[in-house]
């Protein structure tokens, strides 16, 4: 599953834990078949943590380290650029290094991590993401799916459910709406079909954080 030129799709933009774990294992198999055998795995925190853990299990590696890069939402800088928050202090000299993230949208985070690793004198560096946008300027060496930019930007991984699902919910609730109507809009407009229990947990989280409030059968901004 090297990065492809064709554009894939997602049956559901809400990705389950099982699907994400399966993708992580399958892409590790593809990397292995390509002949690349990493000595070190570098996870881009936070999105790369779960995929890189699965891949370290596949490759039987304990050399798993994290690099802290922030980009989206309130974590990006004033220019919207990826920012290195915690540099790597790892000996990668003459090692084969695999850099892992969940998704490559603009490619800024992945390129920044790649460049940081490359400056450490490794023998080889490869990058992998589960999903990649066809509009990204920096292309990962491996990915499970290459998606149109709009689809890639709407993908929700289980480890950032509150961050992204909550954001969509808040954007939709300009007027009071019931839960079933909200689920219907998420499905038809964004191809997002979360399990109902997860949807309810996100709603309760928004209410607890005083971002939403209930008014009978309806939800609205607090």
Protein backbone atom coordinates (compact mmCIF):
# COMPACT_ATOMS: atom_id res chain seq x y z
CA UNK A 1 0.00 0.00 0.00
CA UNK A 2 2.41 2.66 -1.10
CA UNK A 3 0.93 6.11 -1.60
CA UNK A 4 -1.32 5.94 -4.66
CA UNK A 5 -2.28 8.51 -7.24
CA UNK A 6 -5.90 7.34 -7.39
CA UNK A 7 -8.45 8.87 -5.05
CA UNK A 8 -10.14 6.54 -2.59
CA UNK A 9 -13.29 7.08 -0.58
CA UNK A 10 -14.51 6.33 2.93
CA UNK A 11 -17.71 4.43 3.54
CA UNK A 12 -18.03 6.31 6.82
CA UNK A 13 -15.97 9.36 7.76
CA UNK A 14 -16.24 8.23 11.39
CA UNK A 15 -13.48 5.62 11.69
CA UNK A 16 -13.81 2.90 14.33
CA UNK A 17 -11.04 1.64 16.61
CA UNK A 18 -11.18 -1.75 14.87
CA UNK A 19 -10.80 -0.20 11.41
CA UNK A 20 -7.91 2.01 12.52
CA UNK A 21 -6.13 -0.95 14.11
CA UNK A 22 -6.66 -3.09 11.00
CA UNK A 23 -5.32 -0.33 8.75
CA UNK A 24 -2.26 0.07 10.99
CA UNK A 25 -1.46 -3.64 10.79
CA UNK A 26 -2.10 -3.84 7.04
CA UNK A 27 0.14 -0.88 6.25
CA UNK A 28 2.88 -2.39 8.44
CA UNK A 29 2.62 -5.54 6.33
CA UNK A 30 3.00 -3.44 3.17
CA UNK A 31 6.06 -1.67 4.56
CA UNK A 32 7.57 -5.02 5.47
CA UNK A 33 6.90 -6.43 1.99
CA UNK A 34 8.59 -3.38 0.44
CA UNK A 35 11.82 -4.45 2.12
CA UNK A 36 12.01 -1.59 4.61
CA UNK A 37 12.73 -2.89 8.12
CA UNK A 38 12.79 0.02 10.60
CA UNK A 39 15.08 0.09 13.65
CA UNK A 40 13.21 3.03 15.17
CA UNK A 41 9.63 4.29 14.92
CA UNK A 42 8.87 7.97 15.49
CA UNK A 43 5.26 8.79 16.32
CA UNK A 44 3.89 12.27 15.62
CA UNK A 45 1.96 13.12 18.78
CA UNK A 46 -1.04 12.83 19.10
CA UNK A 47 -2.40 11.32 15.91
CA UNK A 48 0.42 8.88 15.32
CA UNK A 49 0.40 7.30 18.79
CA UNK A 50 -2.06 4.46 18.21
CA UNK A 51 -0.95 3.54 14.64
CA UNK A 52 2.72 3.59 15.67
CA UNK A 53 2.02 1.34 18.67
CA UNK A 54 0.37 -1.23 16.39
CA UNK A 55 3.27 -0.98 13.93
CA UNK A 56 5.86 -1.38 16.70
CA UNK A 57 4.04 -4.57 17.70
CA UNK A 58 4.18 -5.85 14.11
CA UNK A 59 7.90 -5.07 13.75
CA UNK A 60 8.66 -6.29 17.31
CA UNK A 61 10.27 -2.96 18.12
CA UNK A 62 10.65 -1.32 21.52
CA UNK A 63 12.39 1.70 19.99
CA UNK A 64 9.21 3.80 19.76
CA UNK A 65 9.55 7.53 20.39
CA UNK A 66 7.33 10.59 20.01
CA UNK A 67 7.78 13.98 18.42
CA UNK A 68 5.38 16.76 19.45
CA UNK A 69 4.12 18.80 16.51
CA UNK A 70 1.03 21.00 16.63
CA UNK A 71 -0.89 22.25 13.64
CA UNK A 72 -4.70 22.18 13.69
CA UNK A 73 -7.15 24.36 15.59
CA UNK A 74 -5.81 26.39 18.51
CA UNK A 75 -2.44 24.59 18.35
CA UNK A 76 -1.31 26.07 15.04
CA UNK A 77 0.72 29.29 14.92
CA UNK A 78 -0.63 32.63 13.67
CA UNK A 79 0.29 31.75 10.09
CA UNK A 80 -1.45 28.37 10.25
CA UNK A 81 1.88 26.53 10.11
CA UNK A 82 2.94 23.34 11.87
CA UNK A 83 5.08 24.00 14.94
CA UNK A 84 7.67 21.74 16.56
CA UNK A 85 6.83 21.80 20.29
CA UNK A 86 9.19 19.12 21.59
CA UNK A 87 12.35 18.20 19.64
CA UNK A 88 13.69 14.68 19.42
CA UNK A 89 16.59 13.60 21.59
CA UNK A 90 17.09 10.17 20.10
CA UNK A 91 20.20 8.59 18.57
CA UNK A 92 19.13 7.84 15.00
CA UNK A 93 22.58 7.89 13.40
CA UNK A 94 22.73 5.26 10.63
CA UNK A 95 19.37 3.83 11.72
CA UNK A 96 16.34 3.07 9.54
CA UNK A 97 13.53 5.27 10.82
CA UNK A 98 9.79 5.09 10.23
CA UNK A 99 7.81 8.30 10.90
CA UNK A 100 4.11 7.68 11.65
CA UNK A 101 1.00 9.87 11.72
CA UNK A 102 -2.71 9.15 11.34
CA UNK A 103 -3.39 11.52 8.43
CA UNK A 104 -1.52 13.75 6.01
CA UNK A 105 -3.71 16.74 5.09
CA UNK A 106 -1.40 19.62 4.21
CA UNK A 107 1.76 17.56 4.76
CA UNK A 108 3.33 20.23 6.99
CA UNK A 109 3.52 18.12 10.15
CA UNK A 110 4.85 15.09 8.31
CA UNK A 111 7.49 17.10 6.44
CA UNK A 112 8.59 18.85 9.63
CA UNK A 113 9.00 15.51 11.39
CA UNK A 114 10.77 14.01 8.34
CA UNK A 115 13.22 16.92 8.22
CA UNK A 116 13.93 16.73 11.96
CA UNK A 117 14.69 13.02 11.68
CA UNK A 118 16.79 13.50 8.53
CA UNK A 119 19.00 16.01 10.34
CA UNK A 120 20.01 13.24 12.79
CA UNK A 121 21.98 11.27 10.19
CA UNK A 122 19.79 8.17 9.76
CA UNK A 123 20.54 5.55 7.11
CA UNK A 124 17.01 5.91 5.72
CA UNK A 125 13.73 7.62 6.59
CA UNK A 126 10.26 6.53 5.47
CA UNK A 127 6.94 8.18 6.29
CA UNK A 128 3.55 6.51 6.71
CA UNK A 129 0.01 7.70 7.42
CA UNK A 130 -3.24 5.79 7.47
CA UNK A 131 -4.95 8.43 5.31
CA UNK A 132 -3.52 11.03 2.96
CA UNK A 133 -5.01 13.95 1.08
CA UNK A 134 -4.38 14.04 -2.66
CA UNK A 135 -3.84 17.78 -2.21
CA UNK A 136 -0.94 17.45 0.21
CA UNK A 137 2.32 18.95 -1.03
CA UNK A 138 4.34 16.41 0.95
CA UNK A 139 3.42 12.81 0.12
CA UNK A 140 3.93 9.98 2.63
CA UNK A 141 5.86 6.96 1.35
CA UNK A 142 3.02 4.69 2.49
CA UNK A 143 -0.69 5.21 3.15
CA UNK A 144 -3.81 3.07 3.21
CA UNK A 145 -6.04 5.50 1.35
CA UNK A 146 -5.49 8.66 -0.70
CA UNK A 147 -8.57 10.85 -0.41
CA UNK A 148 -9.86 14.03 -2.04
CA UNK A 149 -8.94 16.99 0.23
CA UNK A 150 -12.53 17.62 1.36
CA UNK A 151 -13.01 13.96 2.38
CA UNK A 152 -9.62 13.82 4.13
CA UNK A 153 -10.42 16.95 6.14
CA UNK A 154 -13.67 15.38 7.42
CA UNK A 155 -12.19 12.06 8.60
CA UNK A 156 -12.68 11.46 12.33
CA UNK A 157 -10.39 9.01 14.11
CA UNK A 158 -11.53 7.47 17.39
CA UNK A 159 -8.71 9.14 19.33
CA UNK A 160 -9.88 12.64 18.39
CA UNK A 161 -13.62 12.02 18.51
CA UNK A 162 -14.42 14.91 20.85
CA UNK A 163 -12.19 17.34 19.01
CA UNK A 164 -13.64 16.76 15.53
CA UNK A 165 -17.13 15.35 16.10
CA UNK A 166 -17.83 18.02 18.71
CA UNK A 167 -16.67 20.71 16.29
CA UNK A 168 -19.07 19.48 13.60
CA UNK A 169 -21.93 19.33 16.09
CA UNK A 170 -21.28 22.86 17.32
CA UNK A 171 -21.16 24.16 13.74
CA UNK A 172 -24.48 22.50 12.87
CA UNK A 173 -26.39 23.67 15.94
CA UNK A 174 -26.94 27.24 14.83
CA UNK A 175 -30.60 26.55 15.56
CA UNK A 176 -32.01 24.12 18.18
CA UNK A 177 -32.11 20.54 16.90
CA UNK A 178 -33.06 17.11 18.23
CA UNK A 179 -30.57 14.24 18.47
CA UNK A 180 -32.08 12.20 15.63
CA UNK A 181 -32.20 15.21 13.31
CA UNK A 182 -28.57 16.02 14.17
CA UNK A 183 -27.49 12.45 13.40
CA UNK A 184 -29.35 12.62 10.08
CA UNK A 185 -27.58 15.84 9.06
CA UNK A 186 -24.16 14.45 10.06
CA UNK A 187 -24.84 11.43 7.86
CA UNK A 188 -26.26 13.16 4.80
CA UNK A 189 -24.03 16.23 4.76
CA UNK A 190 -20.72 14.88 6.06
CA UNK A 191 -20.97 11.08 5.70
CA UNK A 192 -20.39 10.83 9.46
CA UNK A 193 -22.20 7.95 11.16
CA UNK A 194 -20.88 7.55 14.70
CA UNK A 195 -22.17 4.74 16.93
CA UNK A 196 -25.08 6.16 18.88
CA UNK A 197 -23.40 5.56 22.25
CA UNK A 198 -20.33 7.54 21.13
CA UNK A 199 -22.52 10.30 19.73
CA UNK A 200 -24.34 10.54 23.08
CA UNK A 201 -21.05 10.59 24.99
CA UNK A 202 -19.85 13.51 22.89
CA UNK A 203 -23.12 15.36 23.48
CA UNK A 204 -22.86 14.80 27.23
CA UNK A 205 -19.24 15.99 27.14
CA UNK A 206 -20.32 19.20 25.36
CA UNK A 207 -23.08 19.73 27.93
CA UNK A 208 -20.70 19.07 30.84
CA UNK A 209 -18.26 21.60 29.35
CA UNK A 210 -21.18 24.06 29.13
CA UNK A 211 -20.92 24.36 25.36
CA UNK A 212 -24.37 22.86 24.73
CA UNK A 213 -27.56 22.76 26.75
CA UNK A 214 -30.74 20.69 26.57
CA UNK A 215 -34.16 22.26 26.19
CA UNK A 216 -36.65 19.42 26.27
CA UNK A 217 -35.99 17.25 23.21
CA UNK A 218 -33.74 19.88 21.64
CA UNK A 219 -30.08 20.82 21.88
CA UNK A 220 -28.71 24.32 21.47
CA UNK A 221 -25.61 26.37 22.17
CA UNK A 222 -25.27 27.11 25.87
